[in-house]
Amino acid sequence: MAPTGYALVLESLHETPVDLGCVIYLNLVEGKIMVKKDLFFMSDELRRWWVEERDSKLEIVSEKKDPQRPAKCDAECVYYSTCRG
């Protein structure tokens, strides 16, 4: 979850723990704004997972590895026509 990365940066800069994250989804349905909130606790396990994912992606970039396309793509992906087209 992206907020975990931001929380790690804030913790580093301000030397204060950030234990709660929130993702807010906004959708326009029939002219009305619909809001959905996803609150979650940022556990040590979630922090570790985020750091491992970051390190994995840095390795792909630094070693110029080809990450390959996924076996199945979501048709709503903004890159679908470029990647699968």
N, C-alpha and C. Protein backbone atom coordinates (compact mmCIF):
# COMPACT_ATOMS: atom_id res chain seq x y z
N MET A 1 0.84 -1.18 0.00
CA MET A 1 0.00 0.00 0.00
C MET A 1 0.88 1.25 0.00
N ALA A 2 0.62 2.12 -0.92
CA ALA A 2 1.43 3.33 -1.10
C ALA A 2 1.52 4.21 0.15
N PRO A 3 0.45 4.37 0.93
CA PRO A 3 0.57 5.22 2.12
C PRO A 3 1.66 4.76 3.09
N THR A 4 1.97 3.47 3.06
CA THR A 4 3.01 2.96 3.95
C THR A 4 4.36 3.59 3.60
N GLY A 5 4.64 3.72 2.32
CA GLY A 5 5.88 4.37 1.89
C GLY A 5 5.94 5.81 2.35
N TYR A 6 4.84 6.53 2.20
CA TYR A 6 4.80 7.92 2.66
C TYR A 6 4.97 7.98 4.18
N ALA A 7 4.37 7.04 4.88
CA ALA A 7 4.50 7.02 6.34
C ALA A 7 5.95 6.81 6.76
N LEU A 8 6.66 5.93 6.06
CA LEU A 8 8.07 5.70 6.38
C LEU A 8 8.90 6.97 6.19
N VAL A 9 8.59 7.72 5.14
CA VAL A 9 9.30 8.99 4.90
C VAL A 9 8.98 9.98 6.01
N LEU A 10 7.71 10.12 6.36
CA LEU A 10 7.33 11.05 7.44
C LEU A 10 7.97 10.65 8.76
N GLU A 11 8.00 9.36 9.04
CA GLU A 11 8.63 8.89 10.28
C GLU A 11 10.10 9.26 10.30
N SER A 12 10.76 9.12 9.17
CA SER A 12 12.17 9.43 9.07
C SER A 12 12.44 10.93 9.24
N LEU A 13 11.62 11.75 8.59
CA LEU A 13 11.82 13.20 8.66
C LEU A 13 11.47 13.80 10.01
N HIS A 14 10.37 13.33 10.58
CA HIS A 14 9.87 13.95 11.82
C HIS A 14 10.13 13.13 13.08
N GLU A 15 10.74 11.97 12.90
CA GLU A 15 11.06 11.08 14.02
C GLU A 15 9.87 10.84 14.94
N THR A 16 8.73 10.57 14.32
CA THR A 16 7.52 10.25 15.07
C THR A 16 6.80 9.12 14.33
N PRO A 17 6.24 8.17 15.05
CA PRO A 17 5.61 7.03 14.39
C PRO A 17 4.28 7.40 13.71
N VAL A 18 4.03 6.77 12.58
CA VAL A 18 2.76 6.90 11.87
C VAL A 18 2.19 5.49 11.78
N ASP A 19 1.12 5.23 12.51
CA ASP A 19 0.58 3.87 12.60
C ASP A 19 -0.75 3.67 11.89
N LEU A 20 -1.32 4.73 11.36
CA LEU A 20 -2.62 4.63 10.72
C LEU A 20 -2.52 5.16 9.30
N GLY A 21 -3.06 4.40 8.35
CA GLY A 21 -3.05 4.82 6.96
C GLY A 21 -4.47 4.92 6.44
N CYS A 22 -4.64 5.67 5.36
CA CYS A 22 -5.96 5.83 4.78
C CYS A 22 -5.83 6.02 3.27
N VAL A 23 -6.65 5.30 2.53
CA VAL A 23 -6.76 5.50 1.09
C VAL A 23 -8.19 5.95 0.85
N ILE A 24 -8.35 7.03 0.09
CA ILE A 24 -9.68 7.55 -0.20
C ILE A 24 -9.93 7.40 -1.70
N TYR A 25 -11.03 6.74 -2.03
CA TYR A 25 -11.41 6.53 -3.43
C TYR A 25 -12.57 7.45 -3.76
N LEU A 26 -12.43 8.20 -4.84
CA LEU A 26 -13.49 9.10 -5.29
C LEU A 26 -14.00 8.61 -6.64
N ASN A 27 -15.31 8.50 -6.78
CA ASN A 27 -15.94 8.10 -8.03
C ASN A 27 -17.09 9.05 -8.33
N LEU A 28 -17.27 9.34 -9.59
CA LEU A 28 -18.40 10.15 -10.02
C LEU A 28 -19.45 9.20 -10.59
N VAL A 29 -20.60 9.10 -9.90
CA VAL A 29 -21.68 8.21 -10.31
C VAL A 29 -22.95 9.03 -10.48
N GLU A 30 -23.44 9.08 -11.71
CA GLU A 30 -24.66 9.82 -12.03
C GLU A 30 -24.62 11.26 -11.51
N GLY A 31 -23.47 11.91 -11.70
CA GLY A 31 -23.34 13.30 -11.30
C GLY A 31 -23.06 13.53 -9.82
N LYS A 32 -22.95 12.45 -9.05
CA LYS A 32 -22.67 12.59 -7.62
C LYS A 32 -21.30 12.01 -7.30
N ILE A 33 -20.62 12.67 -6.37
CA ILE A 33 -19.31 12.17 -5.95
C ILE A 33 -19.52 11.12 -4.86
N MET A 34 -18.99 9.93 -5.11
CA MET A 34 -19.06 8.85 -4.13
C MET A 34 -17.68 8.71 -3.48
N VAL A 35 -17.65 8.63 -2.17
CA VAL A 35 -16.40 8.55 -1.42
C VAL A 35 -16.35 7.23 -0.68
N LYS A 36 -15.25 6.53 -0.83
CA LYS A 36 -15.02 5.30 -0.07
C LYS A 36 -13.67 5.44 0.63
N LYS A 37 -13.62 5.12 1.92
CA LYS A 37 -12.39 5.24 2.69
C LYS A 37 -11.92 3.86 3.12
N ASP A 38 -10.63 3.65 3.05
CA ASP A 38 -10.03 2.41 3.51
C ASP A 38 -8.99 2.77 4.56
N LEU A 39 -9.36 2.63 5.83
CA LEU A 39 -8.44 2.88 6.94
C LEU A 39 -7.74 1.57 7.31
N PHE A 40 -6.46 1.65 7.61
CA PHE A 40 -5.74 0.43 7.99
C PHE A 40 -4.60 0.75 8.94
N PHE A 41 -4.24 -0.23 9.73
CA PHE A 41 -3.14 -0.13 10.68
C PHE A 41 -1.85 -0.49 9.97
N MET A 42 -0.83 0.33 10.13
CA MET A 42 0.48 0.06 9.51
C MET A 42 1.34 -0.72 10.50
N SER A 43 1.27 -2.03 10.36
CA SER A 43 2.01 -2.91 11.24
C SER A 43 3.47 -3.00 10.79
N ASP A 44 4.30 -3.59 11.64
CA ASP A 44 5.69 -3.82 11.28
C ASP A 44 5.78 -4.75 10.08
N GLU A 45 4.87 -5.71 9.99
CA GLU A 45 4.84 -6.64 8.86
C GLU A 45 4.57 -5.90 7.55
N LEU A 46 3.63 -4.96 7.57
CA LEU A 46 3.33 -4.17 6.39
C LEU A 46 4.53 -3.30 5.99
N ARG A 47 5.19 -2.72 6.97
CA ARG A 47 6.39 -1.93 6.70
C ARG A 47 7.48 -2.78 6.06
N ARG A 48 7.71 -3.98 6.61
CA ARG A 48 8.72 -4.90 6.05
C ARG A 48 8.38 -5.26 4.62
N TRP A 49 7.10 -5.58 4.37
CA TRP A 49 6.66 -5.93 3.02
C TRP A 49 6.95 -4.78 2.06
N TRP A 50 6.65 -3.55 2.48
CA TRP A 50 6.84 -2.40 1.62
C TRP A 50 8.32 -2.21 1.29
N VAL A 51 9.19 -2.34 2.30
CA VAL A 51 10.63 -2.18 2.07
C VAL A 51 11.14 -3.28 1.14
N GLU A 52 10.66 -4.52 1.31
CA GLU A 52 11.07 -5.62 0.42
C GLU A 52 10.63 -5.36 -1.01
N GLU A 53 9.42 -4.86 -1.21
CA GLU A 53 8.92 -4.54 -2.55
C GLU A 53 9.76 -3.43 -3.18
N ARG A 54 10.06 -2.41 -2.38
CA ARG A 54 10.89 -1.31 -2.88
C ARG A 54 12.26 -1.82 -3.31
N ASP A 55 12.87 -2.66 -2.47
CA ASP A 55 14.19 -3.20 -2.78
C ASP A 55 14.15 -4.07 -4.03
N SER A 56 13.09 -4.83 -4.19
CA SER A 56 12.92 -5.68 -5.36
C SER A 56 12.85 -4.84 -6.64
N LYS A 57 12.10 -3.76 -6.59
CA LYS A 57 11.96 -2.89 -7.76
C LYS A 57 13.25 -2.14 -8.05
N LEU A 58 13.97 -1.74 -7.01
CA LEU A 58 15.26 -1.08 -7.21
C LEU A 58 16.26 -2.03 -7.87
N GLU A 59 16.21 -3.30 -7.49
CA GLU A 59 17.09 -4.30 -8.09
C GLU A 59 16.78 -4.46 -9.58
N ILE A 60 15.50 -4.50 -9.93
CA ILE A 60 15.10 -4.62 -11.34
C ILE A 60 15.67 -3.45 -12.15
N VAL A 61 15.59 -2.25 -11.60
CA VAL A 61 16.08 -1.07 -12.31
C VAL A 61 17.61 -1.05 -12.36
N SER A 62 18.25 -1.28 -11.21
CA SER A 62 19.71 -1.17 -11.18
C SER A 62 20.41 -2.24 -12.01
N GLU A 63 19.82 -3.43 -12.09
CA GLU A 63 20.43 -4.51 -12.86
C GLU A 63 19.85 -4.63 -14.26
N LYS A 64 18.97 -3.67 -14.61
CA LYS A 64 18.35 -3.61 -15.93
C LYS A 64 17.69 -4.94 -16.32
N LYS A 65 16.99 -5.53 -15.34
CA LYS A 65 16.26 -6.77 -15.58
C LYS A 65 14.93 -6.46 -16.27
N ASP A 66 14.48 -7.36 -17.11
CA ASP A 66 13.18 -7.21 -17.74
C ASP A 66 12.14 -7.83 -16.80
N PRO A 67 11.21 -7.03 -16.26
CA PRO A 67 10.25 -7.58 -15.29
C PRO A 67 9.19 -8.48 -15.91
N GLN A 68 9.11 -8.55 -17.24
CA GLN A 68 8.13 -9.36 -17.96
C GLN A 68 6.71 -8.86 -17.72
N ARG A 69 5.85 -9.14 -18.68
CA ARG A 69 4.44 -8.79 -18.54
C ARG A 69 3.75 -9.83 -17.68
N PRO A 70 2.73 -9.43 -16.95
CA PRO A 70 1.97 -10.42 -16.18
C PRO A 70 1.20 -11.35 -17.12
N ALA A 71 0.88 -12.54 -16.65
CA ALA A 71 0.14 -13.52 -17.46
C ALA A 71 -1.25 -13.00 -17.82
N LYS A 72 -1.87 -12.24 -16.91
CA LYS A 72 -3.21 -11.72 -17.14
C LYS A 72 -3.24 -10.24 -16.75
N CYS A 73 -3.80 -9.42 -17.63
CA CYS A 73 -3.87 -7.98 -17.38
C CYS A 73 -5.32 -7.55 -17.18
N ASP A 74 -5.49 -6.52 -16.39
CA ASP A 74 -6.79 -5.91 -16.20
C ASP A 74 -7.08 -5.02 -17.41
N ALA A 75 -8.20 -5.21 -18.06
CA ALA A 75 -8.55 -4.43 -19.25
C ALA A 75 -8.70 -2.95 -18.93
N GLU A 76 -8.87 -2.59 -17.67
CA GLU A 76 -9.01 -1.19 -17.27
C GLU A 76 -7.65 -0.52 -17.07
N CYS A 77 -6.57 -1.26 -17.19
CA CYS A 77 -5.22 -0.72 -17.00
C CYS A 77 -4.97 0.38 -18.04
N VAL A 78 -4.39 1.50 -17.62
CA VAL A 78 -4.15 2.62 -18.53
C VAL A 78 -3.11 2.26 -19.61
N TYR A 79 -2.32 1.22 -19.39
CA TYR A 79 -1.31 0.80 -20.36
C TYR A 79 -1.75 -0.40 -21.19
N TYR A 80 -2.98 -0.85 -21.03
CA TYR A 80 -3.43 -2.07 -21.69
C TYR A 80 -3.25 -2.01 -23.21
N SER A 81 -3.67 -0.92 -23.83
CA SER A 81 -3.57 -0.84 -25.29
C SER A 81 -2.12 -0.79 -25.75
N THR A 82 -1.24 -0.22 -24.97
CA THR A 82 0.18 -0.16 -25.33
C THR A 82 0.84 -1.51 -25.11
N CYS A 83 0.54 -2.12 -23.99
CA CYS A 83 1.18 -3.38 -23.60
C CYS A 83 0.61 -4.57 -24.36
N ARG A 84 -0.70 -4.65 -24.44
CA ARG A 84 -1.36 -5.82 -25.06
C ARG A 84 -1.90 -5.54 -26.45
N GLY A 85 -1.93 -4.27 -26.84
CA GLY A 85 -2.53 -3.89 -28.10
C GLY A 85 -1.72 -4.34 -29.26
